[in-house]
């Protein structure tokens, strides 16, 4: 919750500027790996989603990385768009998994109930921070470009399906969570922790 975030130790407002590209890129950066060619992941993802390729993001620390994209929308098999709001910044492999879940799991479960999926509302994706917004905590998967926080599925008629809303069918909520648990290695939901 926003209140819990404000009680946490604040993050530093900025990090020291690196003095050189080598310092910013970190040890082991291979300049030969820098290319403008699409990765295999980028090519596969472009078939099922509206994406923008992003430049390599550098630091601070372990944050950032290469093969990053902005996920604007997921394209269903009938080519209808499911918008991602706000757009998500993720590493390509995570974006591909999320897009496949929206396309093959979430939209099918919503369609089975006679509804159509229009958009996915998110709380956030890439963000360089410690777990639970604690400054000196272990780096969150958000900082590694491997996490997206789902807020709600928005149906064509404008209704919002949130996984914590007890007025939404428990069967649907459980099915959505189970499908996510089968696709992703870590799924946090109601009851996971106070954050």
Protein backbone atom coordinates (compact mmCIF):
# COMPACT_ATOMS: atom_id res chain seq x y z
CA UNK A 1 0.00 0.00 0.00
CA UNK A 2 1.06 3.58 -0.41
CA UNK A 3 0.99 4.08 3.35
CA UNK A 4 3.36 1.13 3.87
CA UNK A 5 5.73 2.55 1.26
CA UNK A 6 5.95 5.89 3.03
CA UNK A 7 6.89 4.20 6.31
CA UNK A 8 9.87 2.46 4.73
CA UNK A 9 13.38 3.83 4.75
CA UNK A 10 13.51 6.17 1.73
CA UNK A 11 15.63 5.34 -1.28
CA UNK A 12 18.52 7.66 -2.01
CA UNK A 13 17.38 10.34 -4.47
CA UNK A 14 20.19 9.57 -6.92
CA UNK A 15 23.37 7.58 -7.31
CA UNK A 16 26.85 8.85 -8.08
CA UNK A 17 27.49 9.41 -11.76
CA UNK A 18 29.98 6.93 -13.23
CA UNK A 19 33.22 8.45 -14.49
CA UNK A 20 33.46 6.22 -17.57
CA UNK A 21 31.38 3.86 -19.67
CA UNK A 22 33.44 0.93 -18.36
CA UNK A 23 32.57 1.89 -14.78
CA UNK A 24 28.90 2.27 -15.68
CA UNK A 25 28.74 -0.98 -17.65
CA UNK A 26 30.33 -2.98 -14.87
CA UNK A 27 32.88 -5.77 -14.92
CA UNK A 28 32.70 -8.29 -17.73
CA UNK A 29 30.78 -6.10 -20.18
CA UNK A 30 31.41 -7.49 -23.66
CA UNK A 31 31.35 -4.73 -26.28
CA UNK A 32 31.17 -7.40 -29.02
CA UNK A 33 27.70 -8.33 -27.74
CA UNK A 34 26.32 -4.88 -28.60
CA UNK A 35 24.29 -5.13 -31.78
CA UNK A 36 21.27 -3.54 -33.42
CA UNK A 37 20.02 -6.94 -34.63
CA UNK A 38 16.80 -8.24 -33.11
CA UNK A 39 17.28 -11.08 -30.67
CA UNK A 40 15.38 -14.32 -31.18
CA UNK A 41 13.22 -13.30 -28.23
CA UNK A 42 12.47 -9.89 -29.77
CA UNK A 43 11.38 -11.58 -32.99
CA UNK A 44 9.08 -14.06 -31.22
CA UNK A 45 7.61 -11.37 -28.98
CA UNK A 46 6.90 -9.05 -31.92
CA UNK A 47 4.55 -11.75 -33.28
CA UNK A 48 2.32 -11.68 -30.19
CA UNK A 49 2.74 -8.16 -28.82
CA UNK A 50 3.16 -4.49 -29.65
CA UNK A 51 6.63 -3.67 -28.32
CA UNK A 52 9.32 -1.01 -28.43
CA UNK A 53 12.96 -2.04 -28.20
CA UNK A 54 14.85 -0.10 -25.54
CA UNK A 55 18.55 0.66 -25.25
CA UNK A 56 20.62 -1.14 -22.66
CA UNK A 57 19.93 0.37 -19.24
CA UNK A 58 22.93 0.72 -16.99
CA UNK A 59 22.86 0.65 -13.19
CA UNK A 60 23.04 1.62 -10.56
CA UNK A 61 24.55 -1.58 -9.22
CA UNK A 62 22.86 -4.68 -10.61
CA UNK A 63 19.88 -2.76 -11.97
CA UNK A 64 19.22 -2.44 -15.67
CA UNK A 65 20.48 -4.71 -18.40
CA UNK A 66 20.14 -5.43 -22.07
CA UNK A 67 17.43 -7.00 -24.22
CA UNK A 68 14.85 -4.69 -22.67
CA UNK A 69 11.53 -3.82 -24.22
CA UNK A 70 8.48 -1.69 -23.53
CA UNK A 71 5.35 -3.84 -23.71
CA UNK A 72 2.49 -1.70 -25.04
CA UNK A 73 -0.11 -4.37 -25.80
CA UNK A 74 -0.61 -8.11 -26.22
CA UNK A 75 -2.04 -9.34 -29.52
CA UNK A 76 -4.63 -12.09 -29.14
CA UNK A 77 -4.82 -14.90 -31.73
CA UNK A 78 -7.65 -12.95 -33.47
CA UNK A 79 -5.21 -9.94 -33.55
CA UNK A 80 -7.30 -7.89 -31.11
CA UNK A 81 -5.17 -5.78 -28.77
CA UNK A 82 -5.08 -6.08 -25.01
CA UNK A 83 -3.48 -2.83 -23.87
CA UNK A 84 -0.96 -2.85 -21.01
CA UNK A 85 -1.55 0.25 -18.84
CA UNK A 86 0.79 1.73 -17.98
CA UNK A 87 3.14 0.14 -20.45
CA UNK A 88 5.60 -2.29 -18.89
CA UNK A 89 9.39 -2.17 -19.16
CA UNK A 90 10.76 -5.72 -18.89
CA UNK A 91 13.53 -7.91 -20.16
CA UNK A 92 12.38 -9.64 -23.31
CA UNK A 93 12.05 -13.15 -21.85
CA UNK A 94 9.82 -11.88 -19.02
CA UNK A 95 7.72 -9.84 -21.44
CA UNK A 96 7.33 -12.90 -23.66
CA UNK A 97 6.14 -15.03 -20.72
CA UNK A 98 3.74 -12.33 -19.53
CA UNK A 99 2.34 -11.74 -23.03
CA UNK A 100 1.84 -15.49 -23.50
CA UNK A 101 0.03 -15.70 -20.14
CA UNK A 102 -2.31 -12.82 -21.09
CA UNK A 103 -2.87 -14.28 -24.57
CA UNK A 104 -3.20 -17.98 -23.74
CA UNK A 105 -4.41 -18.06 -20.15
CA UNK A 106 -6.03 -14.87 -18.88
CA UNK A 107 -7.96 -14.00 -22.06
CA UNK A 108 -9.21 -17.59 -22.42
CA UNK A 109 -10.45 -17.69 -18.82
CA UNK A 110 -12.24 -14.37 -19.27
CA UNK A 111 -13.70 -15.50 -22.62
CA UNK A 112 -14.98 -18.73 -21.05
CA UNK A 113 -17.17 -16.53 -18.84
CA UNK A 114 -18.62 -14.75 -21.89
CA UNK A 115 -16.48 -11.62 -21.56
CA UNK A 116 -13.64 -10.12 -23.58
CA UNK A 117 -10.36 -8.78 -22.23
CA UNK A 118 -9.64 -5.15 -23.21
CA UNK A 119 -6.60 -4.23 -21.10
CA UNK A 120 -4.33 -5.20 -18.24
CA UNK A 121 -3.78 -2.58 -15.56
CA UNK A 122 -0.43 -2.80 -13.80
CA UNK A 123 1.09 -1.20 -10.72
CA UNK A 124 4.60 -1.31 -12.10
CA UNK A 125 7.38 -3.20 -13.84
CA UNK A 126 11.07 -2.21 -14.07
CA UNK A 127 12.14 -0.15 -11.08
CA UNK A 128 15.59 -0.08 -9.52
CA UNK A 129 14.82 -0.70 -5.86
CA UNK A 130 15.22 -3.07 -2.94
CA UNK A 131 12.54 -5.59 -2.08
CA UNK A 132 9.47 -3.94 -0.58
CA UNK A 133 11.01 -0.53 -1.34
CA UNK A 134 13.59 -0.93 1.46
CA UNK A 135 16.76 0.88 0.35
CA UNK A 136 19.32 -1.59 1.72
CA UNK A 137 17.31 -4.77 1.07
CA UNK A 138 18.21 -7.40 -1.52
CA UNK A 139 17.55 -6.16 -5.06
CA UNK A 140 13.94 -6.68 -6.11
CA UNK A 141 13.18 -8.68 -9.25
CA UNK A 142 11.77 -5.38 -10.52
CA UNK A 143 15.35 -4.05 -10.62
CA UNK A 144 16.37 -7.10 -12.66
CA UNK A 145 13.53 -6.47 -15.18
CA UNK A 146 11.85 -9.73 -14.17
CA UNK A 147 8.67 -8.55 -12.45
CA UNK A 148 5.33 -6.99 -13.20
CA UNK A 149 2.65 -6.15 -10.67
CA UNK A 150 -0.85 -6.87 -11.92
CA UNK A 151 -3.57 -4.53 -10.72
CA UNK A 152 -6.63 -5.66 -12.71
CA UNK A 153 -7.91 -7.17 -15.88
CA UNK A 154 -10.25 -4.74 -17.63
CA UNK A 155 -13.12 -6.23 -19.61
CA UNK A 156 -14.62 -4.86 -22.83
CA UNK A 157 -17.62 -3.49 -20.91
CA UNK A 158 -15.28 -1.54 -18.59
CA UNK A 159 -15.54 -3.82 -15.55
CA UNK A 160 -12.32 -4.42 -13.59
CA UNK A 161 -11.39 -7.90 -12.40
CA UNK A 162 -9.03 -7.55 -9.46
CA UNK A 163 -7.65 -10.62 -7.76
CA UNK A 164 -8.51 -9.25 -4.31
CA UNK A 165 -12.11 -8.24 -5.08
CA UNK A 166 -14.41 -10.68 -3.31
CA UNK A 167 -17.30 -9.67 -5.58
CA UNK A 168 -15.43 -11.22 -8.52
CA UNK A 169 -15.98 -14.95 -8.96
CA UNK A 170 -13.63 -16.88 -6.66
CA UNK A 171 -13.34 -19.58 -9.33
CA UNK A 172 -12.09 -17.02 -11.86
CA UNK A 173 -9.67 -15.47 -9.37
CA UNK A 174 -8.32 -18.89 -8.39
CA UNK A 175 -8.03 -20.00 -12.03
CA UNK A 176 -6.07 -16.85 -12.93
CA UNK A 177 -3.71 -17.32 -10.00
CA UNK A 178 -3.24 -21.05 -10.69
CA UNK A 179 -2.46 -20.34 -14.35
CA UNK A 180 0.14 -17.74 -13.32
CA UNK A 181 1.68 -20.17 -10.82
CA UNK A 182 2.14 -22.74 -13.58
CA UNK A 183 3.88 -20.22 -15.86
CA UNK A 184 6.05 -18.15 -13.49
CA UNK A 185 8.50 -19.23 -10.80
CA UNK A 186 7.30 -16.64 -8.27
CA UNK A 187 3.73 -15.40 -7.94
CA UNK A 188 2.79 -13.15 -5.02
CA UNK A 189 -0.83 -12.50 -4.29
CA UNK A 190 -3.28 -11.86 -1.49
CA UNK A 191 -1.77 -13.15 1.75
CA UNK A 192 1.84 -13.21 0.47
CA UNK A 193 2.96 -10.34 2.75
CA UNK A 194 1.93 -6.90 3.90
CA UNK A 195 3.26 -5.24 0.76
